[in-house]
Protein backbone atom coordinates (compact mmCIF):
# COMPACT_ATOMS: atom_id res chain seq x y z
CA MET A 1 122.46 189.33 125.79
CA LEU A 2 123.27 191.28 122.64
CA MET A 3 125.83 189.90 120.21
CA PRO A 4 128.79 192.09 119.27
CA THR A 5 128.34 194.24 116.18
CA SER A 6 131.17 192.44 114.37
CA THR A 7 129.46 189.06 114.92
CA VAL A 8 126.13 190.34 113.59
CA GLN A 9 127.84 191.82 110.54
CA GLY A 10 129.74 188.57 109.91
CA ILE A 11 126.59 186.43 110.09
CA SER A 12 124.72 188.90 107.89
CA PHE A 13 127.49 188.84 105.29
CA ILE A 14 127.66 185.02 105.21
CA THR A 15 123.87 184.90 104.84
CA MET A 16 124.07 187.37 101.96
CA VAL A 17 126.79 185.29 100.28
CA VAL A 18 124.65 182.13 100.54
CA LEU A 19 121.51 183.84 99.25
CA VAL A 20 123.24 185.52 96.31
CA THR A 21 125.01 182.27 95.38
CA ALA A 22 121.73 180.33 95.50
CA ALA A 23 120.05 182.98 93.34
CA PHE A 24 122.87 182.83 90.81
CA VAL A 25 122.69 179.01 90.63
CA TRP A 26 118.91 179.25 90.20
CA LEU A 27 119.48 181.73 87.36
CA LEU A 28 121.80 179.28 85.59
CA LEU A 29 119.53 176.23 85.94
CA PRO A 30 117.92 176.58 82.46
CA PHE A 31 121.40 176.30 80.92
CA TYR A 32 123.16 174.13 83.48
CA GLY A 33 123.81 171.49 80.82
CA ALA A 34 125.52 174.02 78.54
CA VAL A 35 127.67 175.32 81.39
CA LEU A 36 128.48 171.78 82.53
CA TRP A 37 129.68 170.71 79.10
CA ALA A 38 131.64 173.94 78.69
CA VAL A 39 133.51 173.07 81.90
CA ILE A 40 134.00 169.46 80.75
CA LEU A 41 135.38 170.48 77.34
CA ALA A 42 137.61 173.11 78.95
CA ILE A 43 139.12 170.41 81.19
CA LEU A 44 139.55 167.91 78.36
CA PHE A 45 141.10 170.40 75.92
CA ASN A 46 143.20 172.18 78.53
CA PRO A 47 146.44 170.46 77.39
CA LEU A 48 145.81 171.75 73.84
CA GLN A 49 145.14 175.26 75.19
CA ARG A 50 148.36 175.28 77.22
CA THR A 51 150.34 174.07 74.20
CA LEU A 52 148.88 176.77 71.97
CA VAL A 53 149.57 179.49 74.55
CA ARG A 54 153.19 178.40 74.72
CA LEU A 55 153.56 178.25 70.91
CA LEU A 56 151.87 181.63 70.45
CA ASN A 57 154.09 183.35 73.05
CA GLY A 58 151.33 183.89 75.63
CA ARG A 59 148.59 185.26 73.31
CA ARG A 60 145.74 183.63 75.20
CA THR A 61 142.89 185.13 73.14
CA LEU A 62 144.21 183.70 69.86
CA ALA A 63 145.00 180.38 71.53
CA SER A 64 141.47 180.25 72.99
CA THR A 65 139.97 180.90 69.56
CA LEU A 66 141.98 178.06 68.02
CA SER A 67 141.08 175.71 70.90
CA LEU A 68 137.40 176.58 70.45
CA LEU A 69 137.61 175.82 66.72
CA ALA A 70 139.24 172.48 67.56
CA CYS A 71 136.35 171.66 69.94
CA ILE A 72 133.83 172.52 67.24
CA CYS A 73 135.54 170.34 64.63
CA ILE A 74 136.23 167.38 66.94
CA ALA A 75 133.09 167.30 69.14
CA VAL A 76 130.31 169.66 68.04
CA ILE A 77 130.05 169.04 64.28
CA PRO A 78 130.27 165.21 64.44
CA GLY A 79 127.82 165.16 67.35
CA SER A 80 125.33 167.34 65.44
CA LEU A 81 125.54 165.15 62.34
CA ILE A 82 125.00 161.98 64.37
CA LEU A 83 122.09 163.59 66.22
CA GLY A 84 120.40 164.59 62.98
CA ALA A 85 120.81 161.12 61.47
CA LEU A 86 119.59 159.54 64.70
CA ALA A 87 116.46 161.72 64.74
CA GLN A 88 115.71 160.75 61.12
CA GLU A 89 116.20 157.06 61.78
CA ALA A 90 114.11 157.22 64.94
CA ALA A 91 111.34 159.04 63.05
CA ASN A 92 111.27 156.23 60.48
CA LEU A 93 111.05 153.64 63.27
CA TYR A 94 108.27 155.62 64.95
CA GLN A 95 106.39 155.70 61.64
CA ARG A 96 106.70 151.94 61.27
CA ILE A 97 105.37 151.40 64.79
CA SER A 98 102.45 153.77 64.18
CA THR A 99 101.44 152.03 60.93
CA ARG A 100 101.82 148.56 62.53
CA GLU A 101 104.46 147.64 59.97
CA PHE A 102 106.60 146.62 62.93
CA ASP A 103 104.79 143.64 64.48
CA PRO A 104 106.29 142.41 67.77
CA ALA A 105 103.58 139.74 68.09
CA ALA A 106 104.78 138.07 64.89
CA ILE A 107 108.34 138.11 66.22
CA MET A 108 107.24 136.43 69.46
CA GLY A 109 105.25 133.89 67.50
CA ARG A 110 108.31 132.93 65.46
CA ILE A 111 110.38 132.61 68.64
CA HIS A 112 107.72 130.36 70.20
CA SER A 113 107.58 128.12 67.15
CA ALA A 114 111.37 127.80 67.17
CA LEU A 115 111.64 126.83 70.85
CA PRO A 116 112.11 123.14 71.67
CA THR A 117 109.13 121.34 73.18
CA PHE A 118 110.85 120.63 76.50
CA LEU A 119 111.73 124.32 76.90
CA VAL A 120 108.11 125.37 76.25
CA GLU A 121 106.94 122.83 78.85
CA SER A 122 109.56 124.07 81.33
CA LEU A 123 108.36 127.64 80.92
CA SER A 124 104.78 126.56 81.52
CA THR A 125 105.76 124.95 84.85
CA LEU A 126 107.20 128.22 86.20
CA ASP A 127 103.72 129.58 86.91
CA MET A 128 104.23 132.51 84.56
CA GLY A 129 100.98 131.98 82.70
CA ASP A 130 100.61 130.45 79.27
CA PHE A 131 102.64 131.62 76.33
CA ALA A 132 99.83 133.80 75.03
CA ASP A 133 99.91 135.88 78.22
CA MET A 134 103.70 136.08 78.11
CA GLN A 135 103.52 137.08 74.46
CA ASP A 136 101.03 139.86 75.20
CA ARG A 137 103.15 141.25 78.03
CA LEU A 138 106.44 141.07 76.14
CA THR A 139 104.86 142.47 72.99
CA SER A 140 103.43 145.41 74.89
CA LEU A 141 106.76 146.06 76.60
CA LEU A 142 108.71 145.87 73.33
CA ALA A 143 106.32 148.18 71.53
CA GLN A 144 106.32 150.72 74.36
CA THR A 145 110.12 150.68 74.60
CA ALA A 146 110.63 151.17 70.86
CA GLN A 147 108.02 153.92 70.73
CA ALA A 148 109.57 155.70 73.73
CA ILE A 149 113.01 155.65 72.10
CA ALA A 150 111.63 156.94 68.83
CA THR A 151 109.49 159.63 70.47
CA ARG A 152 112.41 160.89 72.61
CA ALA A 153 114.72 161.15 69.59
CA VAL A 154 112.03 162.92 67.56
CA SER A 155 111.45 165.40 70.40
CA ILE A 156 115.17 166.21 70.34
CA GLY A 157 114.86 167.13 66.69
CA GLN A 158 111.78 169.25 67.39
CA GLY A 159 113.63 171.30 70.04
CA THR A 160 116.10 172.67 67.49
CA ALA A 161 115.80 176.30 68.67
CA GLN A 162 116.55 175.44 72.29
CA LEU A 163 119.38 173.18 71.17
CA PHE A 164 121.06 175.97 69.20
CA VAL A 165 120.66 178.44 72.08
CA SER A 166 122.26 175.97 74.51
CA LEU A 167 125.02 175.27 72.00
CA GLY A 168 125.74 178.97 71.63
CA VAL A 169 125.86 179.44 75.41
CA MET A 170 128.22 176.47 75.75
CA LEU A 171 130.64 177.76 73.10
CA TYR A 172 130.56 181.30 74.50
CA VAL A 173 131.31 180.12 78.04
CA LEU A 174 133.92 177.70 76.74
CA PHE A 175 135.89 180.49 75.06
CA PHE A 176 136.19 182.46 78.30
CA LEU A 177 137.03 179.33 80.27
CA PHE A 178 139.93 178.76 77.87
CA ARG A 179 141.08 182.37 78.09
CA ASP A 180 140.52 183.05 81.79
CA GLY A 181 140.78 179.51 83.18
CA PRO A 182 143.95 179.94 85.28
CA GLY A 183 142.62 183.15 86.82
CA LEU A 184 139.27 181.54 87.64
CA THR A 185 141.02 178.56 89.23
CA ALA A 186 143.17 180.85 91.40
CA THR A 187 140.08 182.84 92.44
CA ILE A 188 138.25 179.67 93.44
CA ARG A 189 141.23 178.56 95.52
CA LYS A 190 141.38 181.92 97.32
CA ALA A 191 137.61 182.12 97.90
CA SER A 192 137.25 178.57 99.16
CA PRO A 193 136.46 178.41 102.90
CA LEU A 194 138.27 175.08 103.09
CA SER A 195 141.93 174.66 103.83
CA ASP A 196 144.42 174.74 100.97
CA ARG A 197 144.99 170.98 101.24
CA HIS A 198 141.28 170.19 101.15
CA THR A 199 140.59 172.60 98.29
CA ALA A 200 143.46 171.25 96.20
CA HIS A 201 142.41 167.64 96.83
CA ILE A 202 138.75 168.22 95.90
CA MET A 203 139.61 170.23 92.76
CA ARG A 204 142.09 167.55 91.70
CA LYS A 205 139.50 164.84 92.25
CA PHE A 206 136.92 166.83 90.27
CA ILE A 207 139.26 167.11 87.28
CA GLU A 208 140.29 163.45 87.49
CA VAL A 209 136.70 162.20 87.60
CA VAL A 210 135.64 164.41 84.67
CA LYS A 211 138.55 163.14 82.59
CA ALA A 212 137.92 159.53 83.55
CA THR A 213 134.16 159.69 82.96
CA VAL A 214 134.26 161.52 79.65
CA LYS A 215 137.60 160.62 78.13
CA GLY A 216 137.54 157.04 79.36
CA ASN A 217 133.94 155.88 79.56
CA VAL A 218 132.66 157.88 76.59
CA ILE A 219 135.49 156.72 74.33
CA ILE A 220 134.81 153.12 75.31
CA ALA A 221 131.07 153.61 74.79
CA VAL A 222 131.61 155.19 71.37
CA ILE A 223 133.88 152.33 70.29
CA GLN A 224 131.42 149.68 71.49
CA GLY A 225 128.44 151.47 69.94
CA THR A 226 130.30 151.95 66.65
CA ILE A 227 131.29 148.30 66.41
CA GLY A 228 127.78 147.19 67.34
CA GLY A 229 126.17 149.57 64.85
CA LEU A 230 128.53 148.46 62.06
CA ALA A 231 127.80 144.82 62.87
CA PHE A 232 124.06 145.49 62.67
CA TRP A 233 124.52 147.37 59.37
CA MET A 234 126.67 144.63 57.80
CA LEU A 235 124.17 141.96 58.89
CA GLY A 236 121.27 143.90 57.39
CA ILE A 237 119.50 144.67 60.68
CA GLU A 238 117.23 147.71 60.46
CA ALA A 239 118.02 151.03 62.21
CA PRO A 240 121.71 150.23 62.84
CA LEU A 241 122.54 153.81 63.85
CA LEU A 242 119.73 153.91 66.40
CA TRP A 243 120.73 150.61 67.99
CA GLY A 244 124.41 151.60 67.88
CA VAL A 245 123.61 154.74 69.88
CA VAL A 246 121.52 152.68 72.33
CA MET A 247 124.46 150.29 72.77
CA ALA A 248 126.81 153.23 73.33
CA VAL A 249 124.53 154.65 76.04
CA LEU A 250 124.12 151.29 77.75
CA SER A 251 127.88 150.79 77.61
CA LEU A 252 128.20 153.59 80.17
CA LEU A 253 126.64 151.23 82.71
CA PRO A 254 128.90 148.52 84.14
CA VAL A 255 127.70 144.92 84.19
CA VAL A 256 124.71 145.69 81.94
CA GLY A 257 126.38 147.26 78.92
CA ALA A 258 125.57 146.73 75.26
CA PHE A 259 124.71 143.08 76.02
CA LEU A 260 121.06 144.11 76.44
CA VAL A 261 120.90 145.03 72.74
CA TRP A 262 123.03 142.63 70.76
CA ALA A 263 122.34 139.48 72.81
CA PRO A 264 118.51 139.37 72.30
CA VAL A 265 118.97 140.05 68.59
CA ALA A 266 121.58 137.29 68.25
CA PHE A 267 119.45 134.76 70.14
CA TYR A 268 116.38 135.72 68.11
CA MET A 269 118.30 135.02 64.89
CA LEU A 270 119.49 131.66 66.20
CA LEU A 271 116.01 130.67 67.36
CA SER A 272 114.40 131.75 64.10
CA GLY A 273 116.80 129.61 62.05
CA ASP A 274 119.13 132.40 60.85
CA TYR A 275 122.15 130.54 62.22
CA LEU A 276 124.88 132.28 60.21
CA ARG A 277 123.96 135.85 61.06
CA GLY A 278 123.13 134.89 64.63
CA ALA A 279 126.49 133.18 65.12
CA ILE A 280 128.36 136.14 63.60
CA LEU A 281 126.58 138.66 65.82
CA LEU A 282 127.11 136.46 68.89
CA ALA A 283 130.82 136.13 68.11
CA VAL A 284 131.22 139.89 67.58
CA GLY A 285 129.37 140.60 70.82
CA VAL A 286 131.31 138.15 72.97
CA LEU A 287 134.78 138.39 71.43
CA VAL A 288 134.90 142.07 70.43
CA ILE A 289 132.28 144.29 72.10
CA SER A 290 132.45 142.67 75.53
CA MET A 291 136.27 142.48 75.52
CA ILE A 292 136.79 146.16 74.73
CA ASP A 293 135.80 147.21 78.24
CA ASN A 294 138.35 144.89 79.87
CA LEU A 295 141.12 145.92 77.49
CA LEU A 296 140.69 149.70 77.34
CA ARG A 297 139.19 150.75 80.68
CA PRO A 298 142.34 150.25 82.83
CA SER A 299 144.46 152.43 80.53
CA LEU A 300 141.85 155.11 79.78
CA VAL A 301 140.14 155.42 83.15
CA GLY A 302 143.01 154.51 85.45
CA LYS A 303 142.97 152.35 88.55
CA GLY A 304 143.61 155.16 91.02
CA ILE A 305 140.21 156.86 90.63
CA ARG A 306 137.97 153.94 89.83
CA LEU A 307 134.93 153.38 91.98
CA PRO A 308 133.44 149.95 92.66
CA ASP A 309 131.21 148.79 89.83
CA TYR A 310 128.11 148.76 92.01
CA VAL A 311 128.74 152.40 93.02
CA VAL A 312 129.21 153.43 89.39
CA LEU A 313 126.06 151.56 88.35
CA VAL A 314 123.84 153.03 91.07
CA SER A 315 125.24 156.57 90.75
CA THR A 316 124.94 156.53 86.96
CA LEU A 317 121.36 155.29 87.04
CA GLY A 318 120.50 157.84 89.72
CA GLY A 319 122.15 160.61 87.72
CA LEU A 320 120.32 159.64 84.54
CA SER A 321 116.97 159.57 86.35
CA LEU A 322 117.53 162.98 87.97
CA PHE A 323 119.48 164.93 85.34
CA GLY A 324 118.77 163.17 82.05
CA VAL A 325 121.65 162.52 79.67
CA ASN A 326 123.97 164.78 81.72
CA GLY A 327 123.52 162.39 84.63
CA PHE A 328 126.09 159.92 83.34
CA VAL A 329 128.72 162.54 84.26
CA ILE A 330 127.00 164.16 87.27
CA GLY A 331 126.14 160.86 88.99
CA PRO A 332 129.66 159.36 89.14
CA LEU A 333 131.07 162.82 89.86
CA ILE A 334 128.90 163.22 92.96
CA ALA A 335 129.78 159.68 94.06
CA ALA A 336 133.52 160.29 93.60
CA LEU A 337 133.37 163.62 95.46
CA PHE A 338 131.44 161.89 98.25
CA VAL A 339 134.22 159.31 98.58
CA ALA A 340 136.91 162.01 98.36
CA VAL A 341 135.36 164.21 101.05
CA TRP A 342 134.85 161.33 103.46
CA SER A 343 138.40 160.09 102.86
CA LEU A 344 139.67 163.58 103.77
CA PHE A 345 137.51 163.57 106.88
CA THR A 346 138.84 160.13 107.88
CA ASP A 347 142.45 161.23 107.30
CA ASP A 348 141.93 164.32 109.45
CA GLN A 349 140.43 162.24 112.22
CA MET A 350 143.36 159.83 112.17
CA ARG A 351 145.88 162.68 112.16
CA SER A 352 144.20 164.35 115.12
CA GLN A 353 144.27 161.08 117.06
CA GLU A 354 147.95 160.56 116.25
CA SER A 355 148.87 164.12 117.22
CA ASP A 356 147.20 163.80 120.65
CA PRO A 357 149.60 161.79 122.86
CA PRO A 358 147.91 159.18 125.01
CA LYS A 359 147.55 160.10 128.62
CA VAL A 360 149.84 158.04 130.85
CA SER A 361 148.55 157.53 134.36
CA GLY A 362 151.06 158.11 137.15
CA PRO A 363 151.92 155.64 139.93
CA PRO A 364 149.28 155.14 142.57
CA GLU A 365 149.56 157.35 145.57
CA ARG A 366 150.83 155.78 148.79
CA GLN A 367 148.47 155.72 151.70
């Protein structure tokens, strides 16, 4: 049986829409990070753009230019300076590792000599091998981790051309998102195949998650990394900027956080006899760095859009493994949209059940 011509044309058109959209997404993949951050900055600086449009009597092009300059001064220039300093510091660390000036085995030896006898005997009863084997494994892991961090930061500095191209694409797209943002939003609402309620809810959730992830989590991570880096610098610990950035990145992960950086260093100082510096770093870590998350996250992130910590942890790790540094935004965003879509589906199911009146059986027929 042949389908009607209108049905064939409709299916053909939908197929064409899907294919063209997939081709366009594939075309943007080399610069998806630039486009992503252009969208993120457009959302974060949208209040500034609206204020400038109102003050400039609706001249959106001039307002967009000023908003773009504000983004460059607030986000791009400081980020570029930090990235350059980080690459230089990482290169120095990589050089020290290559020339064996950095000796993890000596560090492990000093820790072993500082451990109490009963603790050494307790470790030997855990069937983990003797201390020499543990030292070899931990030394190899520490050296590989430090070298990986240094090599990755150096590779960022070597990809300067690609970095500038992506930066140019991001700023170019950002300008037009500022200028044409309301029109693009209205077009997306009209073109969406979903209902108006579903489209509005998903777009609102998208904006809320972006604001919470970037404005909230990144601000908290920057504060924790800055305090940790300053503490390392004041205590005379080498590569404070590098370790501050590592603490900031780890601060994006709940539960784990910057503890993985400052705690081993503090305990190493205490075990090696440097009690003053170890106690200071331990106090800063426990009383300042670890408390910032509890104090600032409720006000910056907000309770209404928070996901459970285990969901944030798994989605962030999954995002980082799949998308690199952009994954700390993409991972929680996908998780939050997943929860939002399923909550809409559940609400629709409950509404449909409430709208259908239960069938009432009549009295039994008389024989």
